[in-house]
Structures are given as structure tokens and as C-alpha cells.
């Protein structure tokens, strides 16, 4: 079997295709979560703590002017960008929670599959009858 035929067989397997679809959907879903956090949640948190843009909160480590935007402060020197970290951490928590809910729902649906009917139980009377048949066949 040639290299390319092996690669083709690997690439068209169901698991690889499922993974590719999952990665594409996950990337798009990540953008939705990013937008939700950056455009809806963080502005509300920023307003609550008295700032306009929470992702621009930082502590200057190289003597930058604290009124500079984060991008400009990074050009000058090192910064401790705790606001940006909080935004990314919130993105992660929301995404992890949604994935948890999805997996929980999938597992619940898997568990609801009908169970195989139980095998008929053999009663003591059946055992007695079978022993009688066995004994009569021996004679």
C-alpha cells in the first residue's frame, strides 16, 4: 500500500472527519463567546468598576503613563495586563461551562437509549421440570 493511499484511507475515516468538523465549529463558537464577553459582559463589568474598557486595565512596569491604552503601553515596555487576563479567563469559563452543558446533555441522551430486555428468569419450578425431563431421558 502506497503512502498516498494510506493517507487517503486515514483522512477519510469517520473519526478524522468528525474531528475536523468539531474544530471548525469550535473555532466559530469561540468567536461567538469572545464577542459575548468582549462586547456584552466586560463593558458591564467595566462600567460597574468605574472604567470604560476593562481589557485596558494594567499596571505599568516600565514607567509608562497609566492613561495610555494597553497597546501603546506595551510598545513602551512591560505591563501587568490584569484586565486583559480577566477577559480571557472569563471567555474560558463561559466556554468551558457551555461545553460542560453540551456534554452533559449528550450523555443524558445516550443514557436514555432503551435497554435490552432482561433475559427471562428461570424459576425453581422450571428447574424441577427440567430435572424430571433429564431423569426420564436417562431411563
C-alpha atoms as a PDB file:
ATOM      1  CA  UNK A   1       0.000   0.000   0.000  1.00  0.00           C
ATOM      2  CA  UNK A   2       1.470   3.317  -1.062  1.00  0.00           C
ATOM      3  CA  UNK A   3       1.961   6.347   1.142  1.00  0.00           C
ATOM      4  CA  UNK A   4      -0.789   8.356  -0.535  1.00  0.00           C
ATOM      5  CA  UNK A   5      -3.338   5.542  -0.408  1.00  0.00           C
ATOM      6  CA  UNK A   6      -2.586   5.082   3.316  1.00  0.00           C
ATOM      7  CA  UNK A   7      -3.007   8.817   3.861  1.00  0.00           C
ATOM      8  CA  UNK A   8      -6.275   8.813   1.913  1.00  0.00           C
ATOM      9  CA  UNK A   9      -7.602   5.914   4.000  1.00  0.00           C
ATOM     10  CA  UNK A  10      -6.611   7.746   7.201  1.00  0.00           C
ATOM     11  CA  UNK A  11      -8.083  11.078   6.095  1.00  0.00           C
ATOM     12  CA  UNK A  12     -11.500   9.745   5.150  1.00  0.00           C
ATOM     13  CA  UNK A  13     -12.021   7.727   8.329  1.00  0.00           C
ATOM     14  CA  UNK A  14     -15.054   8.869  10.310  1.00  0.00           C
ATOM     15  CA  UNK A  15     -13.091   9.971  13.375  1.00  0.00           C
ATOM     16  CA  UNK A  16     -10.832  12.308  11.414  1.00  0.00           C
ATOM     17  CA  UNK A  17     -13.779  13.908   9.626  1.00  0.00           C
ATOM     18  CA  UNK A  18     -15.673  14.289  12.913  1.00  0.00           C
ATOM     19  CA  UNK A  19     -12.629  15.934  14.460  1.00  0.00           C
ATOM     20  CA  UNK A  20     -12.303  18.350  11.534  1.00  0.00           C
ATOM     21  CA  UNK A  21     -15.957  19.366  11.814  1.00  0.00           C
ATOM     22  CA  UNK A  22     -15.553  19.777  15.584  1.00  0.00           C
ATOM     23  CA  UNK A  23     -12.513  22.023  15.196  1.00  0.00           C
ATOM     24  CA  UNK A  24     -14.259  24.236  12.636  1.00  0.00           C
ATOM     25  CA  UNK A  25     -17.424  24.569  14.725  1.00  0.00           C
ATOM     26  CA  UNK A  26     -15.349  25.094  17.877  1.00  0.00           C
ATOM     27  CA  UNK A  27     -13.434  27.934  16.224  1.00  0.00           C
ATOM     28  CA  UNK A  28     -16.638  29.645  15.147  1.00  0.00           C
ATOM     29  CA  UNK A  29     -18.205  29.076  18.561  1.00  0.00           C
ATOM     30  CA  UNK A  30     -15.101  30.534  20.223  1.00  0.00           C
ATOM     31  CA  UNK A  31     -15.584  33.732  18.235  1.00  0.00           C
ATOM     32  CA  UNK A  32     -19.178  33.960  19.440  1.00  0.00           C
ATOM     33  CA  UNK A  33     -18.060  33.563  23.052  1.00  0.00           C
ATOM     34  CA  UNK A  34     -15.284  36.138  22.529  1.00  0.00           C
ATOM     35  CA  UNK A  35     -17.799  38.609  21.179  1.00  0.00           C
ATOM     36  CA  UNK A  36     -20.236  37.915  24.010  1.00  0.00           C
ATOM     37  CA  UNK A  37     -17.570  38.516  26.625  1.00  0.00           C
ATOM     38  CA  UNK A  38     -15.834  41.461  24.939  1.00  0.00           C
ATOM     39  CA  UNK A  39     -18.929  43.256  23.630  1.00  0.00           C
ATOM     40  CA  UNK A  40     -21.606  42.446  26.212  1.00  0.00           C
ATOM     41  CA  UNK A  41     -20.255  41.233  29.554  1.00  0.00           C
ATOM     42  CA  UNK A  42     -16.958  43.086  30.009  1.00  0.00           C
ATOM     43  CA  UNK A  43     -18.400  46.549  29.240  1.00  0.00           C
ATOM     44  CA  UNK A  44     -20.950  45.983  32.020  1.00  0.00           C
ATOM     45  CA  UNK A  45     -18.226  44.869  34.423  1.00  0.00           C
ATOM     46  CA  UNK A  46     -16.096  47.824  33.335  1.00  0.00           C
ATOM     47  CA  UNK A  47     -18.968  50.202  34.000  1.00  0.00           C
ATOM     48  CA  UNK A  48     -19.514  48.643  37.428  1.00  0.00           C
ATOM     49  CA  UNK A  49     -15.879  49.166  38.435  1.00  0.00           C
ATOM     50  CA  UNK A  50     -15.763  52.681  37.044  1.00  0.00           C
ATOM     51  CA  UNK A  51     -13.833  52.143  33.814  1.00  0.00           C
ATOM     52  CA  UNK A  52     -14.855  52.131  30.181  1.00  0.00           C
ATOM     53  CA  UNK A  53     -12.695  49.332  28.812  1.00  0.00           C
ATOM     54  CA  UNK A  54     -11.755  46.618  31.290  1.00  0.00           C
ATOM     55  CA  UNK A  55      -9.310  44.964  28.877  1.00  0.00           C
ATOM     56  CA  UNK A  56      -7.131  48.113  29.023  1.00  0.00           C
ATOM     57  CA  UNK A  57      -6.546  47.820  32.775  1.00  0.00           C
ATOM     58  CA  UNK A  58      -2.887  47.272  33.503  1.00  0.00           C
ATOM     59  CA  UNK A  59      -0.087  48.115  35.886  1.00  0.00           C
ATOM     60  CA  UNK A  60       2.825  49.816  34.181  1.00  0.00           C
ATOM     61  CA  UNK A  61       6.143  48.089  34.899  1.00  0.00           C
ATOM     62  CA  UNK A  62       8.378  50.343  32.793  1.00  0.00           C
ATOM     63  CA  UNK A  63       7.212  53.757  33.947  1.00  0.00           C
ATOM     64  CA  UNK A  64       4.506  54.209  31.291  1.00  0.00           C
ATOM     65  CA  UNK A  65       1.803  56.829  31.691  1.00  0.00           C
ATOM     66  CA  UNK A  66      -1.186  54.949  33.213  1.00  0.00           C
ATOM     67  CA  UNK A  67      -3.598  56.787  30.901  1.00  0.00           C
ATOM     68  CA  UNK A  68      -2.119  55.187  27.779  1.00  0.00           C
ATOM     69  CA  UNK A  69      -4.089  52.419  26.061  1.00  0.00           C
ATOM     70  CA  UNK A  70      -2.694  48.939  26.677  1.00  0.00           C
ATOM     71  CA  UNK A  71      -1.337  48.585  23.123  1.00  0.00           C
ATOM     72  CA  UNK A  72       0.656  51.815  23.428  1.00  0.00           C
ATOM     73  CA  UNK A  73       1.908  50.927  26.921  1.00  0.00           C
ATOM     74  CA  UNK A  74       3.156  47.541  25.641  1.00  0.00           C
ATOM     75  CA  UNK A  75       5.161  49.311  22.914  1.00  0.00           C
ATOM     76  CA  UNK A  76       6.994  51.301  25.569  1.00  0.00           C
ATOM     77  CA  UNK A  77       7.743  48.422  27.919  1.00  0.00           C
ATOM     78  CA  UNK A  78       6.441  45.634  30.106  1.00  0.00           C
ATOM     79  CA  UNK A  79       2.987  45.823  31.609  1.00  0.00           C
ATOM     80  CA  UNK A  80       0.987  43.658  34.001  1.00  0.00           C
ATOM     81  CA  UNK A  81      -2.226  43.401  31.920  1.00  0.00           C
ATOM     82  CA  UNK A  82      -4.648  42.060  34.519  1.00  0.00           C
ATOM     83  CA  UNK A  83      -7.717  43.411  32.713  1.00  0.00           C
ATOM     84  CA  UNK A  84      -6.901  41.520  29.526  1.00  0.00           C
ATOM     85  CA  UNK A  85      -6.211  38.377  31.563  1.00  0.00           C
ATOM     86  CA  UNK A  86      -9.569  38.699  33.316  1.00  0.00           C
ATOM     87  CA  UNK A  87     -11.294  38.990  29.936  1.00  0.00           C
ATOM     88  CA  UNK A  88      -9.571  35.866  28.581  1.00  0.00           C
ATOM     89  CA  UNK A  89     -10.250  33.947  31.810  1.00  0.00           C
ATOM     90  CA  UNK A  90     -13.939  34.870  31.625  1.00  0.00           C
ATOM     91  CA  UNK A  91     -14.002  33.714  27.979  1.00  0.00           C
ATOM     92  CA  UNK A  92     -12.581  30.373  29.101  1.00  0.00           C
ATOM     93  CA  UNK A  93     -15.044  29.946  31.957  1.00  0.00           C
ATOM     94  CA  UNK A  94     -18.040  30.669  29.752  1.00  0.00           C
ATOM     95  CA  UNK A  95     -16.793  28.356  27.013  1.00  0.00           C
ATOM     96  CA  UNK A  96     -15.982  25.572  29.496  1.00  0.00           C
ATOM     97  CA  UNK A  97     -19.421  25.908  31.109  1.00  0.00           C
ATOM     98  CA  UNK A  98     -21.217  25.717  27.757  1.00  0.00           C
ATOM     99  CA  UNK A  99     -19.159  22.687  26.692  1.00  0.00           C
ATOM    100  CA  UNK A 100     -19.944  21.055  30.059  1.00  0.00           C
ATOM    101  CA  UNK A 101     -23.659  21.601  29.456  1.00  0.00           C
ATOM    102  CA  UNK A 102     -23.395  20.169  25.949  1.00  0.00           C
ATOM    103  CA  UNK A 103     -21.519  17.051  27.122  1.00  0.00           C
ATOM    104  CA  UNK A 104     -23.982  16.601  29.981  1.00  0.00           C
ATOM    105  CA  UNK A 105     -26.896  16.745  27.514  1.00  0.00           C
ATOM    106  CA  UNK A 106     -25.198  14.293  25.132  1.00  0.00           C
ATOM    107  CA  UNK A 107     -24.534  11.859  27.988  1.00  0.00           C
ATOM    108  CA  UNK A 108     -28.148  12.178  29.138  1.00  0.00           C
ATOM    109  CA  UNK A 109     -29.372  11.369  25.642  1.00  0.00           C
ATOM    110  CA  UNK A 110     -27.020   8.376  25.444  1.00  0.00           C
ATOM    111  CA  UNK A 111     -28.306   7.048  28.773  1.00  0.00           C
ATOM    112  CA  UNK A 112     -31.914   7.316  27.605  1.00  0.00           C
ATOM    113  CA  UNK A 113     -31.342   4.665  24.939  1.00  0.00           C
ATOM    114  CA  UNK A 114     -33.674   1.743  25.528  1.00  0.00           C
ATOM    115  CA  UNK A 115     -32.047  -1.043  27.473  1.00  0.00           C
ATOM    116  CA  UNK A 116     -32.103  -4.594  26.165  1.00  0.00           C
ATOM    117  CA  UNK A 117     -34.985  -6.591  27.589  1.00  0.00           C
ATOM    118  CA  UNK A 118     -33.882  -8.740  30.507  1.00  0.00           C
ATOM    119  CA  UNK A 119     -33.428 -12.433  29.891  1.00  0.00           C
ATOM    120  CA  UNK A 120     -36.329 -14.491  31.171  1.00  0.00           C
ATOM    121  CA  UNK A 121     -35.629 -15.697  34.675  1.00  0.00           C
ATOM    122  CA  UNK A 122     -35.601 -19.417  35.342  1.00  0.00           C
ATOM    123  CA  UNK A 123     -37.904 -20.264  38.220  1.00  0.00           C
ATOM    124  CA  UNK A 124     -37.368 -23.127  40.656  1.00  0.00           C
ATOM    125  CA  UNK A 125     -40.364 -24.885  39.134  1.00  0.00           C
ATOM    126  CA  UNK A 126     -38.656 -24.805  35.727  1.00  0.00           C
ATOM    127  CA  UNK A 127     -35.543 -26.339  37.235  1.00  0.00           C
ATOM    128  CA  UNK A 128     -37.581 -29.129  38.795  1.00  0.00           C
ATOM    129  CA  UNK A 129     -39.347 -29.775  35.484  1.00  0.00           C
ATOM    130  CA  UNK A 130     -36.042 -29.832  33.577  1.00  0.00           C
ATOM    131  CA  UNK A 131     -34.578 -32.300  36.094  1.00  0.00           C
ATOM    132  CA  UNK A 132     -37.593 -34.567  35.647  1.00  0.00           C
ATOM    133  CA  UNK A 133     -37.189 -34.449  31.861  1.00  0.00           C
ATOM    134  CA  UNK A 134     -33.468 -35.209  32.177  1.00  0.00           C
ATOM    135  CA  UNK A 135     -34.120 -38.115  34.523  1.00  0.00           C
ATOM    136  CA  UNK A 136     -36.816 -39.571  32.252  1.00  0.00           C
ATOM    137  CA  UNK A 137     -34.462 -39.355  29.248  1.00  0.00           C
ATOM    138  CA  UNK A 138     -31.762 -41.231  31.163  1.00  0.00           C
ATOM    139  CA  UNK A 139     -34.108 -44.209  31.650  1.00  0.00           C
END
